[in-house]
């Protein structure tokens, strides 16, 4: 089990040291290598300590995979900058929810034609306008 922790830690260290371009290119391979160690069968009945370590490794791998997914998504956005993206892509990129977007539109915080608009029955989000709105909203909140 100690070897598994070392491999998972090494994989995480490699990922932490990469810039987003390298992460998008090599992160999946590194995460899969660490994941292969966590999937390997441990001989004998696992004790309590091994269960805890196994759970910790599984959580670590989950975090690594999340970091890799975020880096790949960010890398794609950096390579193909767009002003408008469909709602489902915005949710994927930002981590925001569909309900939050709809609530902001309903409350008039996001205006059609500025932060969002409907095209062919689909909701599109203006990434630049949303960034500007977030900056203004943050300043307004701090001013209270």
Protein backbone atom coordinates (compact mmCIF):
# COMPACT_ATOMS: atom_id res chain seq x y z
CA UNK A 1 0.00 0.00 0.00
CA UNK A 2 2.91 2.36 0.72
CA UNK A 3 4.07 1.93 -2.89
CA UNK A 4 0.60 2.92 -4.11
CA UNK A 5 0.71 6.09 -2.02
CA UNK A 6 4.15 6.96 -3.38
CA UNK A 7 2.99 6.50 -6.98
CA UNK A 8 -0.19 8.51 -6.42
CA UNK A 9 1.77 11.24 -4.64
CA UNK A 10 4.33 11.30 -7.47
CA UNK A 11 1.57 11.57 -10.05
CA UNK A 12 -0.04 14.43 -8.18
CA UNK A 13 3.33 16.19 -7.82
CA UNK A 14 3.93 15.85 -11.59
CA UNK A 15 0.51 17.30 -12.33
CA UNK A 16 0.96 20.16 -9.85
CA UNK A 17 4.24 21.16 -11.52
CA UNK A 18 2.80 21.31 -15.06
CA UNK A 19 1.53 24.37 -16.84
CA UNK A 20 -1.92 24.09 -18.41
CA UNK A 21 -0.55 23.12 -21.84
CA UNK A 22 1.53 20.27 -20.44
CA UNK A 23 -1.33 19.23 -18.19
CA UNK A 24 -3.72 19.00 -21.11
CA UNK A 25 -1.16 16.90 -23.00
CA UNK A 26 0.19 14.60 -20.25
CA UNK A 27 -2.22 14.82 -17.31
CA UNK A 28 -4.51 12.01 -18.43
CA UNK A 29 -1.59 9.58 -18.86
CA UNK A 30 -0.26 10.40 -15.40
CA UNK A 31 -3.67 10.11 -13.75
CA UNK A 32 -4.26 6.76 -15.47
CA UNK A 33 -0.88 5.50 -14.25
CA UNK A 34 -1.77 6.40 -10.66
CA UNK A 35 -5.26 4.97 -11.09
CA UNK A 36 -3.79 1.65 -12.31
CA UNK A 37 -2.01 1.30 -8.98
CA UNK A 38 -5.19 1.94 -7.02
CA UNK A 39 -7.05 -0.66 -9.08
CA UNK A 40 -4.42 -3.36 -8.47
CA UNK A 41 -5.51 -6.12 -6.10
CA UNK A 42 -3.91 -6.05 -2.69
CA UNK A 43 -3.05 -9.58 -1.49
CA UNK A 44 -4.83 -10.78 1.63
CA UNK A 45 -7.68 -9.19 3.52
CA UNK A 46 -7.14 -5.48 3.86
CA UNK A 47 -6.78 -4.15 7.41
CA UNK A 48 -8.25 -0.94 8.72
CA UNK A 49 -5.14 1.09 7.81
CA UNK A 50 -5.15 -0.29 4.26
CA UNK A 51 -8.84 0.63 3.92
CA UNK A 52 -8.12 4.20 5.00
CA UNK A 53 -5.13 4.43 2.64
CA UNK A 54 -7.13 2.94 -0.21
CA UNK A 55 -9.93 5.46 0.34
CA UNK A 56 -7.39 8.30 0.50
CA UNK A 57 -5.81 7.17 -2.77
CA UNK A 58 -9.22 6.93 -4.44
CA UNK A 59 -10.06 10.48 -3.31
CA UNK A 60 -6.66 11.68 -4.49
CA UNK A 61 -7.19 10.15 -7.92
CA UNK A 62 -10.63 11.78 -8.10
CA UNK A 63 -9.04 15.16 -7.42
CA UNK A 64 -6.31 14.52 -9.99
CA UNK A 65 -8.88 13.59 -12.62
CA UNK A 66 -10.85 16.76 -11.82
CA UNK A 67 -7.73 18.91 -12.18
CA UNK A 68 -6.92 17.24 -15.49
CA UNK A 69 -10.47 17.74 -16.80
CA UNK A 70 -10.43 21.40 -15.77
CA UNK A 71 -7.02 21.94 -17.39
CA UNK A 72 -8.13 20.28 -20.62
CA UNK A 73 -11.29 22.39 -20.67
CA UNK A 74 -9.33 25.58 -19.92
CA UNK A 75 -6.75 24.65 -22.56
CA UNK A 76 -9.47 24.22 -25.15
CA UNK A 77 -10.96 27.60 -24.25
CA UNK A 78 -7.51 29.24 -24.40
CA UNK A 79 -6.82 27.73 -27.84
CA UNK A 80 -10.23 28.60 -29.27
CA UNK A 81 -11.32 31.84 -27.63
CA UNK A 82 -14.99 32.53 -28.22
CA UNK A 83 -17.26 35.25 -27.01
CA UNK A 84 -20.51 33.26 -27.07
CA UNK A 85 -20.95 29.64 -25.93
CA UNK A 86 -24.06 27.51 -25.53
CA UNK A 87 -25.45 27.15 -22.01
CA UNK A 88 -24.30 23.56 -21.55
CA UNK A 89 -20.71 24.52 -22.48
CA UNK A 90 -20.85 27.52 -20.13
CA UNK A 91 -21.98 25.25 -17.28
CA UNK A 92 -19.10 22.86 -18.06
CA UNK A 93 -16.49 25.64 -18.18
CA UNK A 94 -17.66 27.68 -15.20
CA UNK A 95 -19.08 25.10 -12.83
CA UNK A 96 -22.17 27.31 -12.57
CA UNK A 97 -25.60 25.66 -12.72
CA UNK A 98 -28.37 26.01 -15.29
CA UNK A 99 -30.73 27.05 -12.48
CA UNK A 100 -28.39 29.87 -11.41
CA UNK A 101 -28.19 31.19 -14.96
CA UNK A 102 -31.98 31.07 -15.35
CA UNK A 103 -32.46 32.78 -11.96
CA UNK A 104 -30.14 35.63 -12.96
CA UNK A 105 -32.04 36.10 -16.22
CA UNK A 106 -35.40 36.04 -14.44
CA UNK A 107 -34.19 38.55 -11.82
CA UNK A 108 -32.86 40.85 -14.55
CA UNK A 109 -29.24 40.52 -13.39
CA UNK A 110 -28.30 39.08 -16.79
CA UNK A 111 -29.84 40.83 -19.76
CA UNK A 112 -30.68 39.19 -23.07
CA UNK A 113 -28.34 40.59 -25.70
CA UNK A 114 -25.65 41.35 -23.14
CA UNK A 115 -24.73 38.39 -20.89
CA UNK A 116 -27.01 35.96 -22.73
CA UNK A 117 -29.31 35.57 -25.72
CA UNK A 118 -31.54 33.01 -27.37
CA UNK A 119 -30.50 31.86 -30.85
CA UNK A 120 -32.49 29.15 -32.63
CA UNK A 121 -34.20 28.28 -29.35
CA UNK A 122 -30.92 27.74 -27.48
CA UNK A 123 -29.50 29.95 -24.74
CA UNK A 124 -26.03 31.33 -25.46
CA UNK A 125 -23.78 32.97 -22.86
CA UNK A 126 -21.34 35.84 -23.55
CA UNK A 127 -18.20 34.87 -21.59
CA UNK A 128 -16.66 38.33 -21.70
CA UNK A 129 -19.87 40.04 -20.54
CA UNK A 130 -20.23 37.51 -17.72
CA UNK A 131 -16.65 38.23 -16.58
CA UNK A 132 -17.42 41.96 -16.57
CA UNK A 133 -20.67 41.34 -14.64
CA UNK A 134 -18.79 39.28 -12.05
CA UNK A 135 -16.24 42.07 -11.57
CA UNK A 136 -18.98 44.71 -11.19
CA UNK A 137 -21.03 42.48 -8.88
CA UNK A 138 -18.01 41.82 -6.66
CA UNK A 139 -17.24 45.55 -6.35
CA UNK A 140 -20.89 46.33 -5.58
CA UNK A 141 -20.96 43.61 -2.89
CA UNK A 142 -17.75 44.91 -1.25
CA UNK A 143 -19.11 48.46 -1.25
CA UNK A 144 -22.07 47.46 0.98
